[in-house]
Amino acid sequence: MTDRVISYAGALPRVEDFLSVGKYAMVGVGAVAEAILGQGTQVAGLAVTAVPNNAMAGSAFAVNVGRGFIFSYQETDPTAYGVLGTDTGTSVLKTGILSKGVNLGLTNAAPASAGYSTNYLISAAFVEQDINEAVLPYYNAATPTQPFSGPANNSAAQVTVRQDTILLQATAGTPAPTGSQISPPTPAGYVALYIVTVNNGDTATNNAQISLAPNAPYIVSAGQLLQVVQSGSINYASANGSANLIVLSLTPALTSYHDGTWITFKAAQTNSATTFITINGLSNLPVLQGGVALSGGEIQADWSYAGIILSGSFHLLASGAGSINVARGTALSHAVNLSQFPARLFYAVAQAGIINAPANSTTYPIEKITITFPTVSKSGAFRANVRMVGEGTAMAGSVRQNFQNILSDGTNSYIGNASLVTALAAGDTWGTADTILTAGVYSPGAEVTFNHQIRTGGGGSDFTIQNSFMEILVEEA
């Protein structure tokens, strides 16, 4: 209670004082409730349960709505509150009370078509009404011992109580094949409580066919808090929507996104491309994994996932199944992305034979090795790495060997880098070169031809390369 009426000994009581006591109490209680619950409409109690056939006259199918409360943010007094008049400039969280359970009729008949069902929505609304009319005695100044009956002795009845209570409503959906029936929309001014399903062939409502409506704004009581935390129901939901738009409905509803909010969900479909998530009708958030947008296959139907809202995105942190995105590693201790590993497309090796190079020759022997290519199809560039290993004879004078590889696919030739060495011992590797091949398709049987030359100079002697071989590794560029 925020304000209190002050009275004095000997002072005549005022009507305003009596009314103000009630108003101040309502405002004070409402302020406490608003501090705890906020301004959104919420409910407590109002459990919906089945009742036997014809328990309610005129309705073969009915439910019982138990005692409960609804909290609704309203103008303090939209209509005149006695002599205090209206108060529309301020608002307060009011409490509507259903003091005892009531039966609510649904229908007299189940769906007529075999295999059909109908969903009924049970909803509630806050209502403030003036009730308990009575003809009140009024002071008669002319004859004080004979009070007037009503204002000016007109015998008119007047309301004596301003009541905050609850209106209940049952709304029928459209019959449809069982499993495909859709619940009706929530009536304006009401909040959804429960869904009651009536199937063809039913003779009464059944508790097994009564479920909490999506986004029903029920308050978690202190006695239920531990169970709710253990069950995870405040941040878990089964997904709806499409494969690449995950739609979740949490209870109580999430009213805005906050960094650090942890959400778990069961996927309904497998994603196939960039994916988004929306919770309780809020904006779509991109779903990331490892800081990278999803591309398909990371989320699998009927598996559970968990993540956190951060900086306008939903970061998938725990995955029940599906591919896992890994950011590209930038340090030795980091996990690496598969794209950081070149894909080996083709590997082959062939014997090069013996090459004789005369001293001071102006002609250079060429040894050709032809390797048959398998089918290789790549939208990007290839990289061909060629390595030659051989053993050279002893020689006098200054000798240099020059290697050059030429790759040919029958149409184009790709010339690699030249490599110079000043000595050649047994088992030495020389002439290693990376050659970038343009994108294309190499059909089975296409030939890759390698030419290598040995050049001597500086007055040296004859030179022979023997026991040599060439290998080629073709991988993604």
Protein backbone atom coordinates (compact mmCIF):
# COMPACT_ATOMS: atom_id res chain seq x y z
CA MET A 1 0.00 0.00 0.00
CA THR A 2 1.50 3.32 -1.06
CA ASP A 3 -0.82 5.88 0.54
CA ARG A 4 -2.87 5.84 3.72
CA VAL A 5 -5.89 7.90 4.74
CA ILE A 6 -5.50 10.08 7.84
CA SER A 7 -8.53 10.79 10.05
CA TYR A 8 -8.95 12.83 13.22
CA ALA A 9 -10.96 12.47 16.41
CA GLY A 10 -14.19 14.40 16.14
CA ALA A 11 -13.89 14.86 12.36
CA LEU A 12 -16.82 13.74 10.27
CA PRO A 13 -15.95 10.82 7.96
CA ARG A 14 -15.87 11.50 4.22
CA VAL A 15 -17.01 9.17 1.46
CA GLU A 16 -13.69 9.81 -0.32
CA ASP A 17 -11.80 8.34 2.64
CA PHE A 18 -13.62 5.02 2.48
CA LEU A 19 -13.06 4.67 -1.27
CA SER A 20 -9.43 5.79 -1.08
CA VAL A 21 -8.58 2.98 1.34
CA GLY A 22 -9.57 0.40 -1.27
CA LYS A 23 -7.85 2.23 -4.11
CA TYR A 24 -4.59 2.70 -2.22
CA ALA A 25 -4.54 -0.99 -1.30
CA MET A 26 -5.05 -2.01 -4.93
CA VAL A 27 -2.26 0.29 -6.15
CA GLY A 28 0.16 -0.95 -3.49
CA VAL A 29 -0.46 -4.64 -4.14
CA GLY A 30 -0.29 -4.00 -7.89
CA ALA A 31 3.09 -2.31 -7.57
CA VAL A 32 4.55 -5.32 -5.76
CA ALA A 33 3.10 -7.69 -8.36
CA GLU A 34 4.46 -5.56 -11.22
CA ALA A 35 7.94 -5.52 -9.69
CA ILE A 36 7.93 -9.33 -9.66
CA LEU A 37 5.92 -10.23 -12.75
CA GLY A 38 6.31 -7.24 -15.04
CA GLN A 39 3.46 -5.73 -17.03
CA GLY A 40 2.65 -8.69 -19.26
CA THR A 41 -0.51 -10.71 -18.68
CA GLN A 42 0.16 -13.86 -16.65
CA VAL A 43 -1.95 -16.52 -15.01
CA ALA A 44 -1.68 -18.90 -12.07
CA GLY A 45 -3.88 -21.89 -11.31
CA LEU A 46 -6.78 -22.24 -13.76
CA ALA A 47 -5.94 -25.90 -14.40
CA VAL A 48 -8.17 -27.51 -17.02
CA THR A 49 -9.36 -31.09 -16.42
CA ALA A 50 -11.86 -33.44 -18.01
CA VAL A 51 -15.35 -34.01 -16.56
CA PRO A 52 -17.74 -36.91 -17.21
CA ASN A 53 -20.23 -36.92 -20.04
CA ASN A 54 -23.21 -34.64 -19.32
CA ALA A 55 -21.66 -33.35 -16.10
CA MET A 56 -22.67 -29.98 -17.44
CA ALA A 57 -26.26 -29.57 -18.56
CA GLY A 58 -26.58 -28.94 -22.28
CA SER A 59 -23.05 -30.04 -23.16
CA ALA A 60 -21.95 -33.65 -23.57
CA PHE A 61 -18.30 -32.56 -23.69
CA ALA A 62 -17.10 -30.21 -20.96
CA VAL A 63 -14.04 -29.39 -18.84
CA ASN A 64 -13.49 -27.95 -15.41
CA VAL A 65 -11.37 -24.82 -15.03
CA GLY A 66 -9.95 -24.73 -11.51
CA ARG A 67 -9.53 -21.81 -9.14
CA GLY A 68 -6.90 -19.33 -10.26
CA PHE A 69 -5.76 -15.81 -10.99
CA ILE A 70 -4.96 -13.58 -13.93
CA PHE A 71 -2.65 -10.57 -13.69
CA SER A 72 -3.34 -7.81 -16.19
CA TYR A 73 -1.92 -4.29 -16.61
CA GLN A 74 -4.91 -1.92 -16.70
CA GLU A 75 -5.87 1.73 -16.23
CA THR A 76 -6.42 2.41 -12.53
CA ASP A 77 -10.09 3.40 -12.91
CA PRO A 78 -11.34 3.65 -16.51
CA THR A 79 -14.89 4.31 -15.21
CA ALA A 80 -15.94 6.41 -12.24
CA TYR A 81 -15.10 4.85 -8.88
CA GLY A 82 -17.84 6.44 -6.80
CA VAL A 83 -17.16 10.05 -5.92
CA LEU A 84 -13.43 9.60 -6.76
CA GLY A 85 -14.30 9.57 -10.45
CA THR A 86 -12.10 8.08 -13.17
CA ASP A 87 -8.31 7.67 -13.14
CA THR A 88 -7.08 6.97 -16.65
CA GLY A 89 -3.74 8.74 -16.29
CA THR A 90 -2.15 5.90 -14.31
CA SER A 91 -2.09 2.11 -14.69
CA VAL A 92 -1.58 -0.78 -12.31
CA LEU A 93 -1.18 -4.56 -12.47
CA LYS A 94 -4.59 -5.81 -11.39
CA THR A 95 -5.52 -9.30 -10.21
CA GLY A 96 -8.58 -11.05 -11.57
CA ILE A 97 -9.72 -13.89 -9.30
CA LEU A 98 -11.70 -17.02 -10.06
CA SER A 99 -12.52 -18.02 -6.51
CA LYS A 100 -13.68 -21.54 -7.30
CA GLY A 101 -13.59 -23.96 -10.24
CA VAL A 102 -16.29 -23.84 -12.91
CA ASN A 103 -17.38 -26.20 -15.68
CA LEU A 104 -17.09 -24.98 -19.25
CA GLY A 105 -19.03 -26.61 -22.08
CA LEU A 106 -17.38 -27.47 -25.39
CA THR A 107 -19.83 -29.29 -27.65
CA ASN A 108 -22.62 -31.84 -27.72
CA ALA A 109 -21.04 -34.12 -30.31
CA ALA A 110 -17.65 -35.44 -31.41
CA PRO A 111 -16.58 -34.99 -35.07
CA ALA A 112 -18.90 -37.00 -37.30
CA SER A 113 -16.27 -38.21 -39.81
CA ALA A 114 -14.21 -41.28 -38.97
CA GLY A 115 -10.56 -40.46 -38.28
CA TYR A 116 -11.29 -36.79 -37.63
CA SER A 117 -10.53 -34.62 -34.58
CA THR A 118 -11.34 -31.11 -33.35
CA ASN A 119 -9.20 -28.90 -31.13
CA TYR A 120 -10.94 -26.62 -28.61
CA LEU A 121 -9.04 -23.66 -27.19
CA ILE A 122 -9.69 -22.72 -23.56
CA SER A 123 -8.81 -19.07 -22.98
CA ALA A 124 -9.18 -16.48 -20.22
CA ALA A 125 -9.49 -12.72 -19.96
CA PHE A 126 -9.31 -10.18 -17.15
CA VAL A 127 -12.54 -8.29 -16.60
CA GLU A 128 -13.44 -5.51 -14.18
CA GLN A 129 -17.12 -5.08 -13.44
CA ASP A 130 -19.35 -3.27 -10.98
CA ILE A 131 -21.77 -5.68 -9.29
CA ASN A 132 -24.10 -6.25 -6.33
CA GLU A 133 -26.81 -3.71 -7.05
CA ALA A 134 -28.88 -2.54 -4.09
CA VAL A 135 -31.26 0.27 -3.19
CA LEU A 136 -29.24 2.23 -0.65
CA PRO A 137 -30.55 4.41 2.17
CA TYR A 138 -29.71 8.09 1.79
CA TYR A 139 -29.73 10.87 4.37
CA ASN A 140 -32.98 12.86 4.45
CA ALA A 141 -32.13 16.35 5.65
CA ALA A 142 -35.80 17.28 6.03
CA THR A 143 -36.65 14.26 8.18
CA PRO A 144 -33.41 12.67 9.38
CA THR A 145 -35.25 9.80 11.06
CA GLN A 146 -36.74 8.75 7.74
CA PRO A 147 -33.90 8.00 5.23
CA PHE A 148 -34.49 8.22 1.51
CA SER A 149 -34.69 5.01 -0.50
CA GLY A 150 -32.07 5.60 -3.16
CA PRO A 151 -30.74 8.95 -4.39
CA ALA A 152 -33.37 11.67 -3.98
CA ASN A 153 -35.69 8.92 -2.75
CA ASN A 154 -36.01 7.51 -6.30
CA SER A 155 -35.64 3.85 -5.25
CA ALA A 156 -32.99 3.31 -7.93
CA ALA A 157 -30.60 0.41 -7.33
CA GLN A 158 -26.85 1.11 -7.40
CA VAL A 159 -23.77 -1.14 -7.70
CA THR A 160 -21.86 -1.59 -4.47
CA VAL A 161 -18.76 -3.65 -5.44
CA ARG A 162 -16.07 -3.16 -8.11
CA GLN A 163 -14.95 -6.70 -8.89
CA ASP A 164 -11.84 -7.91 -10.76
CA THR A 165 -12.52 -11.40 -12.06
CA ILE A 166 -11.92 -13.77 -15.00
CA LEU A 167 -13.90 -14.51 -18.13
CA LEU A 168 -13.48 -18.00 -19.65
CA GLN A 169 -14.17 -19.05 -23.22
CA ALA A 170 -14.06 -22.28 -25.23
CA THR A 171 -13.42 -21.82 -28.97
CA ALA A 172 -13.88 -24.66 -31.46
CA GLY A 173 -11.41 -25.35 -34.25
CA THR A 174 -12.25 -26.95 -37.59
CA PRO A 175 -12.53 -30.77 -37.70
CA ALA A 176 -9.70 -32.34 -39.68
CA PRO A 177 -7.95 -35.72 -40.05
CA THR A 178 -6.45 -36.65 -36.69
CA GLY A 179 -2.98 -35.21 -36.35
CA SER A 180 -3.57 -32.41 -38.84
CA GLN A 181 -6.26 -30.48 -36.94
CA ILE A 182 -5.36 -26.89 -36.12
CA SER A 183 -6.21 -25.06 -32.92
CA PRO A 184 -8.32 -21.91 -33.37
CA PRO A 185 -6.79 -18.46 -32.85
CA THR A 186 -6.96 -16.85 -29.43
CA PRO A 187 -9.90 -14.40 -29.18
CA ALA A 188 -8.98 -10.72 -28.89
CA GLY A 189 -8.36 -9.65 -25.30
CA TYR A 190 -7.90 -13.24 -24.10
CA VAL A 191 -4.86 -15.42 -23.38
CA ALA A 192 -4.66 -19.09 -24.37
CA LEU A 193 -4.66 -21.63 -21.52
CA TYR A 194 -5.19 -25.18 -22.76
CA ILE A 195 -6.01 -27.20 -25.88
CA VAL A 196 -8.66 -29.92 -25.58
CA THR A 197 -8.86 -32.49 -28.40
CA VAL A 198 -12.08 -34.36 -29.15
CA ASN A 199 -11.79 -37.34 -31.53
CA ASN A 200 -14.41 -39.05 -33.61
CA GLY A 201 -15.96 -41.76 -31.44
CA ASP A 202 -15.23 -40.03 -28.11
CA THR A 203 -18.10 -39.79 -25.64
CA ALA A 204 -16.51 -37.39 -23.13
CA THR A 205 -13.40 -35.31 -22.62
CA ASN A 206 -10.21 -37.12 -21.63
CA ASN A 207 -7.32 -35.78 -19.55
CA ALA A 208 -4.88 -37.49 -21.92
CA GLN A 209 -6.17 -35.20 -24.67
CA ILE A 210 -5.78 -31.95 -22.72
CA SER A 211 -2.50 -30.08 -23.12
CA LEU A 212 -1.07 -26.67 -22.29
CA ALA A 213 -1.54 -24.21 -25.12
CA PRO A 214 1.61 -22.85 -26.80
CA ASN A 215 2.74 -19.64 -25.10
CA ALA A 216 0.23 -20.02 -22.27
CA PRO A 217 1.47 -17.34 -19.81
CA TYR A 218 1.49 -19.42 -16.64
CA ILE A 219 3.51 -18.27 -13.66
CA VAL A 220 5.91 -20.71 -12.07
CA SER A 221 5.06 -20.85 -8.40
CA ALA A 222 7.73 -21.08 -5.71
CA GLY A 223 6.78 -24.70 -5.06
CA GLN A 224 7.26 -25.56 -8.75
CA LEU A 225 10.51 -23.66 -9.32
CA LEU A 226 12.88 -26.54 -8.53
CA GLN A 227 10.97 -28.95 -10.76
CA VAL A 228 10.94 -26.43 -13.61
CA VAL A 229 14.69 -25.85 -13.33
CA GLN A 230 15.32 -29.60 -13.32
CA SER A 231 13.07 -30.22 -16.29
CA GLY A 232 14.56 -27.38 -18.34
CA SER A 233 11.10 -26.39 -19.57
CA ILE A 234 11.82 -22.66 -19.35
CA ASN A 235 14.52 -22.86 -22.05
CA TYR A 236 13.64 -26.02 -24.00
CA ALA A 237 11.15 -26.54 -26.82
CA SER A 238 10.48 -28.83 -29.74
CA ALA A 239 11.07 -27.03 -33.02
CA ASN A 240 8.46 -26.15 -35.60
CA GLY A 241 8.85 -24.18 -38.80
CA SER A 242 10.81 -25.31 -41.85
CA ALA A 243 14.14 -27.05 -42.38
CA ASN A 244 16.08 -23.79 -42.46
CA LEU A 245 13.89 -21.67 -40.14
CA ILE A 246 13.66 -23.11 -36.63
CA VAL A 247 10.57 -21.84 -34.78
CA LEU A 248 10.54 -22.24 -30.99
CA SER A 249 7.91 -21.38 -28.37
CA LEU A 250 9.16 -21.14 -24.79
CA THR A 251 6.95 -20.99 -21.68
CA PRO A 252 6.91 -18.39 -20.28
CA ALA A 253 7.41 -16.57 -23.54
CA LEU A 254 10.71 -14.86 -24.27
CA THR A 255 9.89 -11.17 -24.74
CA SER A 256 13.27 -10.03 -26.08
CA TYR A 257 16.68 -11.48 -26.94
CA HIS A 258 19.46 -11.17 -24.36
CA ASP A 259 23.12 -12.10 -24.70
CA GLY A 260 23.84 -15.22 -22.71
CA THR A 261 20.40 -16.82 -22.96
CA TRP A 262 20.86 -20.60 -23.25
CA ILE A 263 18.33 -22.47 -25.42
CA THR A 264 17.93 -26.18 -26.13
CA PHE A 265 15.61 -27.67 -28.73
CA LYS A 266 14.68 -30.85 -30.56
CA ALA A 267 14.94 -30.44 -34.32
CA ALA A 268 11.95 -31.33 -36.48
CA GLN A 269 13.79 -31.36 -39.82
CA THR A 270 17.30 -31.64 -41.25
CA ASN A 271 18.69 -28.30 -42.43
CA SER A 272 19.93 -27.92 -45.99
CA ALA A 273 21.33 -24.39 -46.21
CA THR A 274 21.89 -21.21 -44.21
CA THR A 275 19.66 -21.55 -41.14
CA PHE A 276 17.80 -19.10 -38.88
CA ILE A 277 15.98 -19.41 -35.55
CA THR A 278 13.08 -17.42 -34.10
CA ILE A 279 11.78 -17.68 -30.53
CA ASN A 280 8.27 -16.68 -29.44
CA GLY A 281 7.70 -14.65 -32.59
CA LEU A 282 10.79 -12.46 -32.19
CA SER A 283 13.11 -11.60 -35.10
CA ASN A 284 15.03 -14.28 -36.99
CA LEU A 285 18.57 -14.91 -35.73
CA PRO A 286 21.24 -16.53 -37.94
CA VAL A 287 22.46 -19.87 -36.58
CA LEU A 288 26.26 -20.12 -36.42
CA GLN A 289 28.61 -22.94 -35.48
CA GLY A 290 32.24 -22.19 -34.85
CA GLY A 291 31.47 -18.63 -35.90
CA VAL A 292 30.44 -19.86 -39.36
CA ALA A 293 26.94 -19.84 -40.85
CA LEU A 294 25.41 -23.28 -41.32
CA SER A 295 25.42 -24.68 -44.85
CA GLY A 296 23.37 -27.86 -44.49
CA GLY A 297 23.54 -31.14 -42.60
CA GLU A 298 24.60 -29.64 -39.27
CA ILE A 299 21.11 -30.16 -37.82
CA GLN A 300 19.43 -33.56 -38.12
CA ALA A 301 15.73 -34.30 -37.60
CA ASP A 302 14.70 -35.68 -34.18
CA TRP A 303 18.05 -34.84 -32.53
CA SER A 304 18.60 -32.31 -29.75
CA TYR A 305 20.79 -29.21 -29.92
CA ALA A 306 21.82 -26.42 -27.58
CA GLY A 307 23.22 -22.96 -28.07
CA ILE A 308 23.49 -19.44 -26.76
CA ILE A 309 22.22 -16.08 -27.98
CA LEU A 310 25.08 -13.64 -28.49
CA SER A 311 25.46 -10.42 -30.50
CA GLY A 312 22.41 -10.95 -32.67
CA SER A 313 23.15 -14.58 -33.54
CA PHE A 314 22.37 -18.02 -32.14
CA HIS A 315 25.62 -19.93 -31.61
CA LEU A 316 25.19 -23.70 -31.79
CA LEU A 317 27.44 -25.14 -29.06
CA ALA A 318 26.18 -28.68 -28.45
CA SER A 319 25.15 -31.00 -31.25
CA GLY A 320 23.32 -34.31 -31.01
CA ALA A 321 24.09 -35.31 -34.60
CA GLY A 322 25.16 -33.83 -37.91
CA SER A 323 28.25 -32.14 -39.28
CA ILE A 324 30.17 -29.77 -37.00
CA ASN A 325 31.62 -26.55 -38.36
CA VAL A 326 35.18 -25.86 -37.23
CA ALA A 327 36.80 -22.45 -37.75
CA ARG A 328 40.07 -22.43 -39.69
CA GLY A 329 43.01 -23.03 -37.38
CA THR A 330 45.53 -20.21 -37.09
CA ALA A 331 47.98 -21.68 -34.57
CA LEU A 332 49.70 -25.04 -34.13
CA SER A 333 47.48 -25.93 -31.17
CA HIS A 334 44.23 -25.24 -33.04
CA ALA A 335 41.86 -27.75 -34.60
CA VAL A 336 41.87 -27.42 -38.37
CA ASN A 337 39.17 -27.11 -40.96
CA LEU A 338 38.95 -29.79 -43.67
CA SER A 339 39.37 -27.06 -46.27
CA GLN A 340 42.88 -26.53 -44.91
CA PHE A 341 43.85 -29.99 -46.15
CA PRO A 342 44.42 -30.17 -49.92
CA ALA A 343 42.40 -32.97 -51.45
CA ARG A 344 44.66 -35.51 -53.17
CA LEU A 345 43.20 -36.16 -56.59
CA PHE A 346 45.88 -38.31 -58.24
CA TYR A 347 49.26 -39.87 -57.51
CA ALA A 348 51.53 -41.84 -59.83
CA VAL A 349 55.18 -42.84 -60.20
CA ALA A 350 57.21 -44.01 -63.22
CA GLN A 351 60.75 -45.09 -63.93
CA ALA A 352 62.84 -42.55 -65.83
CA GLY A 353 65.64 -44.85 -66.96
CA ILE A 354 69.21 -43.80 -67.80
CA ILE A 355 70.18 -40.44 -69.28
CA ASN A 356 73.58 -39.77 -70.85
CA ALA A 357 74.78 -36.18 -71.13
CA PRO A 358 78.03 -35.56 -73.10
CA ALA A 359 80.45 -33.01 -71.74
CA ASN A 360 80.09 -29.50 -73.17
CA SER A 361 77.23 -30.70 -75.31
CA THR A 362 75.12 -28.19 -77.13
CA THR A 363 72.28 -30.66 -77.40
CA TYR A 364 70.51 -31.87 -74.34
CA PRO A 365 69.02 -35.32 -73.97
CA ILE A 366 65.36 -35.45 -73.15
CA GLU A 367 63.75 -38.33 -71.28
CA LYS A 368 59.99 -38.55 -71.60
CA ILE A 369 57.71 -40.25 -69.07
CA THR A 370 54.06 -40.61 -69.92
CA ILE A 371 51.50 -41.37 -67.17
CA THR A 372 47.89 -42.15 -67.95
CA PHE A 373 45.55 -39.82 -66.05
CA PRO A 374 42.42 -41.09 -64.27
CA THR A 375 39.12 -39.18 -64.28
CA VAL A 376 39.66 -35.90 -62.43
CA SER A 377 36.97 -33.22 -62.33
CA LYS A 378 37.56 -30.01 -60.39
CA SER A 379 35.87 -26.62 -60.56
CA GLY A 380 38.96 -24.85 -59.18
CA ALA A 381 42.61 -25.02 -60.13
CA PHE A 382 44.87 -28.07 -59.79
CA ARG A 383 48.37 -28.09 -58.41
CA ALA A 384 50.78 -30.72 -59.79
CA ASN A 385 53.90 -31.41 -57.74
CA VAL A 386 56.67 -33.25 -59.65
CA ARG A 387 59.68 -34.80 -57.93
CA MET A 388 62.65 -36.57 -59.56
CA VAL A 389 65.11 -38.81 -57.76
CA GLY A 390 68.29 -40.20 -59.33
CA GLU A 391 71.97 -41.05 -59.02
CA GLY A 392 74.69 -39.37 -61.07
CA THR A 393 78.21 -40.51 -62.01
CA ALA A 394 81.34 -38.70 -60.82
CA MET A 395 82.44 -35.91 -63.09
CA ALA A 396 85.13 -33.33 -63.41
CA GLY A 397 84.78 -29.63 -63.79
CA SER A 398 81.88 -27.39 -63.09
CA VAL A 399 78.63 -29.14 -63.77
CA ARG A 400 75.10 -27.90 -63.48
CA GLN A 401 71.91 -29.80 -64.07
CA ASN A 402 68.84 -28.04 -65.29
CA PHE A 403 65.38 -29.57 -64.93
CA GLN A 404 62.20 -28.40 -66.55
CA ASN A 405 58.86 -30.20 -66.57
CA ILE A 406 56.14 -29.81 -69.15
CA LEU A 407 52.66 -31.18 -68.50
CA SER A 408 50.34 -31.84 -71.38
CA ASP A 409 46.73 -33.02 -71.34
CA GLY A 410 46.66 -33.42 -75.08
CA THR A 411 45.44 -29.88 -75.68
CA ASN A 412 47.30 -27.51 -73.38
CA SER A 413 50.80 -27.56 -71.97
CA TYR A 414 51.63 -26.25 -68.54
CA ILE A 415 55.27 -25.33 -67.96
CA GLY A 416 56.58 -25.59 -64.42
CA ASN A 417 59.51 -23.91 -62.65
CA ALA A 418 63.10 -24.68 -63.58
CA SER A 419 65.37 -25.98 -60.82
CA LEU A 420 69.21 -25.81 -60.70
CA VAL A 421 71.49 -27.95 -58.57
CA THR A 422 75.30 -27.96 -58.34
CA ALA A 423 75.80 -31.56 -57.34
CA LEU A 424 74.04 -34.86 -57.69
CA ALA A 425 74.75 -37.65 -55.22
CA ALA A 426 73.09 -41.04 -54.93
CA GLY A 427 69.45 -40.68 -53.90
CA ASP A 428 69.38 -36.92 -54.36
CA THR A 429 66.11 -35.24 -55.17
CA TRP A 430 66.14 -32.54 -57.77
CA GLY A 431 63.87 -30.66 -60.03
CA THR A 432 60.96 -30.38 -57.55
CA ALA A 433 58.41 -27.99 -59.02
CA ASP A 434 54.82 -26.94 -58.34
CA THR A 435 52.76 -26.37 -61.44
CA ILE A 436 49.33 -24.78 -61.29
CA LEU A 437 46.94 -26.38 -63.75
CA THR A 438 43.83 -24.58 -64.88
CA ALA A 439 40.42 -25.86 -63.89
CA GLY A 440 38.96 -28.51 -66.10
CA VAL A 441 38.05 -32.13 -66.54
CA TYR A 442 40.72 -34.71 -67.37
CA SER A 443 39.15 -37.81 -68.87
CA PRO A 444 40.42 -41.36 -68.41
CA GLY A 445 43.30 -42.03 -70.79
CA ALA A 446 44.42 -38.41 -71.05
CA GLU A 447 48.20 -38.35 -71.01
CA VAL A 448 50.47 -36.30 -68.78
CA THR A 449 53.95 -36.14 -70.36
CA PHE A 450 57.05 -35.11 -68.44
CA ASN A 451 60.21 -34.01 -70.27
CA HIS A 452 63.41 -33.55 -68.34
CA GLN A 453 66.74 -32.25 -69.63
CA ILE A 454 70.26 -32.51 -68.26
CA ARG A 455 72.66 -29.76 -69.22
CA THR A 456 76.41 -29.77 -68.53
CA GLY A 457 78.86 -26.94 -68.84
CA GLY A 458 82.16 -25.45 -67.75
CA GLY A 459 84.40 -28.03 -69.45
CA GLY A 460 83.15 -31.03 -67.55
CA SER A 461 83.17 -34.65 -68.62
CA ASP A 462 80.42 -36.94 -69.79
CA PHE A 463 77.64 -37.31 -67.26
CA THR A 464 75.20 -40.14 -66.70
CA ILE A 465 72.00 -40.24 -64.59
CA GLN A 466 70.83 -43.70 -63.64
CA ASN A 467 68.34 -45.41 -61.31
CA SER A 468 66.11 -42.37 -61.60
CA PHE A 469 62.32 -42.17 -61.27
CA MET A 470 59.69 -39.49 -61.36
CA GLU A 471 56.60 -39.13 -59.19
CA ILE A 472 53.62 -36.79 -59.55
CA LEU A 473 51.07 -35.68 -56.98
CA VAL A 474 48.04 -33.78 -58.21
CA GLU A 475 45.92 -32.04 -55.56
CA GLU A 476 43.60 -29.08 -55.10
CA ALA A 477 45.29 -25.73 -55.49
